[in-house]
Amino acid sequence: MDHVEISDDIIRLGQFLKLANLAESGAQARELISDGEVSVNGEVDTRRGRQLHKGDVIVVDSPAGSTSATVS
């Protein structure tokens, strides 16, 4: 699991997916989220604007396998 540092106290889910290289683009991040393939702290979240805080764990499930990152 990667630890990805953010400069502010919060970051939006769509932005974090790109920052952590869990999505290649904003369009892909939007698709992953709307398809229910992204979970935050163990719960699926379909809100691209969900605010993440330090310590949150994000997991992306895809046919190729799961990848994850922690907000730090």
N, C-alpha and C. Protein backbone atom coordinates (compact mmCIF):
# COMPACT_ATOMS: atom_id res chain seq x y z
N MET A 1 0.84 -1.17 0.00
CA MET A 1 0.00 0.00 0.00
C MET A 1 0.89 1.24 0.00
N ASP A 2 0.60 2.15 -0.90
CA ASP A 2 1.36 3.39 -0.99
C ASP A 2 0.80 4.43 -0.03
N HIS A 3 1.68 5.26 0.50
CA HIS A 3 1.28 6.40 1.31
C HIS A 3 1.50 7.64 0.47
N VAL A 4 0.43 8.37 0.19
CA VAL A 4 0.50 9.53 -0.70
C VAL A 4 0.28 10.79 0.13
N GLU A 5 1.28 11.66 0.14
CA GLU A 5 1.18 12.89 0.91
C GLU A 5 0.37 13.93 0.17
N ILE A 6 -0.45 14.65 0.94
CA ILE A 6 -1.21 15.76 0.37
C ILE A 6 -0.75 17.03 1.06
N SER A 7 -0.86 18.16 0.37
CA SER A 7 -0.35 19.42 0.92
C SER A 7 -1.36 20.11 1.85
N ASP A 8 -2.65 19.85 1.65
CA ASP A 8 -3.68 20.45 2.49
C ASP A 8 -4.20 19.40 3.48
N ASP A 9 -5.20 19.79 4.25
CA ASP A 9 -5.80 18.85 5.21
C ASP A 9 -6.76 17.89 4.54
N ILE A 10 -7.34 18.29 3.39
CA ILE A 10 -8.30 17.45 2.69
C ILE A 10 -7.99 17.43 1.19
N ILE A 11 -8.52 16.39 0.53
CA ILE A 11 -8.44 16.29 -0.93
C ILE A 11 -9.68 15.54 -1.39
N ARG A 12 -10.17 15.86 -2.55
CA ARG A 12 -11.36 15.19 -3.08
C ARG A 12 -10.95 13.85 -3.68
N LEU A 13 -11.88 12.90 -3.63
CA LEU A 13 -11.61 11.53 -4.06
C LEU A 13 -11.09 11.47 -5.49
N GLY A 14 -11.76 12.16 -6.42
CA GLY A 14 -11.33 12.14 -7.82
C GLY A 14 -9.91 12.66 -7.99
N GLN A 15 -9.56 13.71 -7.27
CA GLN A 15 -8.21 14.28 -7.33
C GLN A 15 -7.19 13.30 -6.75
N PHE A 16 -7.57 12.65 -5.66
CA PHE A 16 -6.63 11.72 -5.02
C PHE A 16 -6.33 10.53 -5.91
N LEU A 17 -7.34 10.03 -6.61
CA LEU A 17 -7.10 8.88 -7.49
C LEU A 17 -6.04 9.21 -8.53
N LYS A 18 -6.09 10.43 -9.06
CA LYS A 18 -5.07 10.84 -10.05
C LYS A 18 -3.72 11.04 -9.38
N LEU A 19 -3.69 11.73 -8.22
CA LEU A 19 -2.45 11.99 -7.51
C LEU A 19 -1.73 10.70 -7.13
N ALA A 20 -2.49 9.70 -6.71
CA ALA A 20 -1.92 8.43 -6.27
C ALA A 20 -1.67 7.46 -7.42
N ASN A 21 -1.92 7.91 -8.65
CA ASN A 21 -1.77 7.07 -9.84
C ASN A 21 -2.66 5.84 -9.80
N LEU A 22 -3.83 5.97 -9.16
CA LEU A 22 -4.82 4.90 -9.16
C LEU A 22 -5.75 5.05 -10.37
N ALA A 23 -5.70 6.23 -11.00
CA ALA A 23 -6.43 6.51 -12.24
C ALA A 23 -5.52 7.34 -13.13
N GLU A 24 -5.60 7.09 -14.44
CA GLU A 24 -4.73 7.79 -15.38
C GLU A 24 -5.22 9.19 -15.70
N SER A 25 -6.53 9.43 -15.54
CA SER A 25 -7.10 10.73 -15.89
C SER A 25 -8.33 10.99 -15.03
N GLY A 26 -8.82 12.21 -15.13
CA GLY A 26 -10.05 12.55 -14.43
C GLY A 26 -11.23 11.75 -14.95
N ALA A 27 -11.25 11.52 -16.25
CA ALA A 27 -12.33 10.73 -16.85
C ALA A 27 -12.31 9.30 -16.32
N GLN A 28 -11.13 8.71 -16.21
CA GLN A 28 -11.05 7.35 -15.69
C GLN A 28 -11.43 7.32 -14.21
N ALA A 29 -11.01 8.32 -13.45
CA ALA A 29 -11.38 8.39 -12.03
C ALA A 29 -12.89 8.46 -11.89
N ARG A 30 -13.53 9.29 -12.70
CA ARG A 30 -14.99 9.43 -12.67
C ARG A 30 -15.66 8.10 -12.97
N GLU A 31 -15.15 7.38 -13.97
CA GLU A 31 -15.71 6.08 -14.35
C GLU A 31 -15.54 5.04 -13.25
N LEU A 32 -14.35 4.97 -12.66
CA LEU A 32 -14.11 4.02 -11.57
C LEU A 32 -15.06 4.27 -10.40
N ILE A 33 -15.22 5.54 -10.06
CA ILE A 33 -16.08 5.91 -8.93
C ILE A 33 -17.53 5.59 -9.24
N SER A 34 -18.01 5.99 -10.41
CA SER A 34 -19.42 5.77 -10.74
C SER A 34 -19.75 4.29 -10.93
N ASP A 35 -18.76 3.48 -11.29
CA ASP A 35 -18.97 2.04 -11.44
C ASP A 35 -18.91 1.29 -10.11
N GLY A 36 -18.66 2.01 -9.01
CA GLY A 36 -18.61 1.38 -7.70
C GLY A 36 -17.35 0.57 -7.45
N GLU A 37 -16.27 0.92 -8.13
CA GLU A 37 -15.02 0.17 -8.00
C GLU A 37 -14.07 0.78 -6.99
N VAL A 38 -14.49 1.86 -6.32
CA VAL A 38 -13.62 2.56 -5.37
C VAL A 38 -14.25 2.48 -3.98
N SER A 39 -13.44 2.08 -3.01
CA SER A 39 -13.92 2.08 -1.63
C SER A 39 -13.01 2.96 -0.78
N VAL A 40 -13.64 3.60 0.20
CA VAL A 40 -12.93 4.46 1.14
C VAL A 40 -13.15 3.87 2.52
N ASN A 41 -12.06 3.52 3.17
CA ASN A 41 -12.12 2.92 4.50
C ASN A 41 -13.06 1.71 4.54
N GLY A 42 -13.03 0.90 3.48
CA GLY A 42 -13.79 -0.34 3.44
C GLY A 42 -15.21 -0.23 2.93
N GLU A 43 -15.68 0.98 2.58
CA GLU A 43 -17.04 1.15 2.08
C GLU A 43 -17.01 1.78 0.69
N VAL A 44 -17.78 1.20 -0.23
CA VAL A 44 -17.86 1.74 -1.60
C VAL A 44 -18.43 3.15 -1.54
N ASP A 45 -17.80 4.06 -2.27
CA ASP A 45 -18.28 5.45 -2.32
C ASP A 45 -18.36 5.88 -3.77
N THR A 46 -19.50 6.41 -4.18
CA THR A 46 -19.72 6.82 -5.57
C THR A 46 -19.73 8.33 -5.71
N ARG A 47 -19.21 9.04 -4.73
CA ARG A 47 -19.16 10.51 -4.78
C ARG A 47 -17.75 10.95 -5.14
N ARG A 48 -17.59 11.50 -6.33
CA ARG A 48 -16.28 11.95 -6.79
C ARG A 48 -15.75 13.07 -5.91
N GLY A 49 -16.65 13.88 -5.36
CA GLY A 49 -16.25 15.00 -4.53
C GLY A 49 -16.07 14.66 -3.06
N ARG A 50 -16.14 13.39 -2.71
CA ARG A 50 -15.96 12.97 -1.31
C ARG A 50 -14.65 13.54 -0.79
N GLN A 51 -14.71 14.15 0.37
CA GLN A 51 -13.51 14.72 0.97
C GLN A 51 -12.76 13.65 1.75
N LEU A 52 -11.48 13.53 1.44
CA LEU A 52 -10.62 12.57 2.13
C LEU A 52 -9.73 13.31 3.11
N HIS A 53 -9.42 12.64 4.19
CA HIS A 53 -8.56 13.20 5.23
C HIS A 53 -7.37 12.28 5.42
N LYS A 54 -6.35 12.80 6.05
CA LYS A 54 -5.16 11.99 6.32
C LYS A 54 -5.56 10.75 7.11
N GLY A 55 -5.03 9.60 6.68
CA GLY A 55 -5.33 8.33 7.33
C GLY A 55 -6.37 7.51 6.58
N ASP A 56 -7.12 8.13 5.66
CA ASP A 56 -8.12 7.39 4.88
C ASP A 56 -7.42 6.40 3.95
N VAL A 57 -8.04 5.24 3.79
CA VAL A 57 -7.50 4.18 2.92
C VAL A 57 -8.43 4.03 1.73
N ILE A 58 -7.87 4.13 0.53
CA ILE A 58 -8.65 4.05 -0.71
C ILE A 58 -8.21 2.79 -1.45
N VAL A 59 -9.19 2.00 -1.87
CA VAL A 59 -8.92 0.77 -2.63
C VAL A 59 -9.70 0.83 -3.93
N VAL A 60 -9.01 0.52 -5.03
CA VAL A 60 -9.65 0.46 -6.35
C VAL A 60 -9.63 -0.99 -6.79
N ASP A 61 -10.81 -1.54 -7.04
CA ASP A 61 -10.94 -2.91 -7.54
C ASP A 61 -11.10 -2.85 -9.05
N SER A 62 -10.32 -3.65 -9.74
CA SER A 62 -10.43 -3.72 -11.20
C SER A 62 -10.20 -5.16 -11.62
N PRO A 63 -10.50 -5.48 -12.88
CA PRO A 63 -10.27 -6.85 -13.34
C PRO A 63 -8.82 -7.30 -13.18
N ALA A 64 -7.88 -6.34 -13.22
CA ALA A 64 -6.47 -6.67 -13.07
C ALA A 64 -6.07 -6.91 -11.61
N GLY A 65 -6.96 -6.58 -10.68
CA GLY A 65 -6.67 -6.75 -9.25
C GLY A 65 -6.92 -5.46 -8.48
N SER A 66 -6.69 -5.52 -7.20
CA SER A 66 -6.92 -4.37 -6.35
C SER A 66 -5.63 -3.59 -6.14
N THR A 67 -5.77 -2.28 -6.09
CA THR A 67 -4.65 -1.40 -5.74
C THR A 67 -5.14 -0.47 -4.65
N SER A 68 -4.24 -0.03 -3.79
CA SER A 68 -4.67 0.80 -2.68
C SER A 68 -3.64 1.86 -2.35
N ALA A 69 -4.10 2.89 -1.65
CA ALA A 69 -3.22 3.97 -1.19
C ALA A 69 -3.83 4.58 0.06
N THR A 70 -2.96 5.14 0.89
CA THR A 70 -3.39 5.81 2.11
C THR A 70 -3.07 7.29 1.98
N VAL A 71 -4.00 8.13 2.42
CA VAL A 71 -3.77 9.58 2.43
C VAL A 71 -2.86 9.90 3.60
N SER A 72 -1.73 10.58 3.35
CA SER A 72 -0.87 10.98 4.44
C SER A 72 -0.50 12.44 4.35
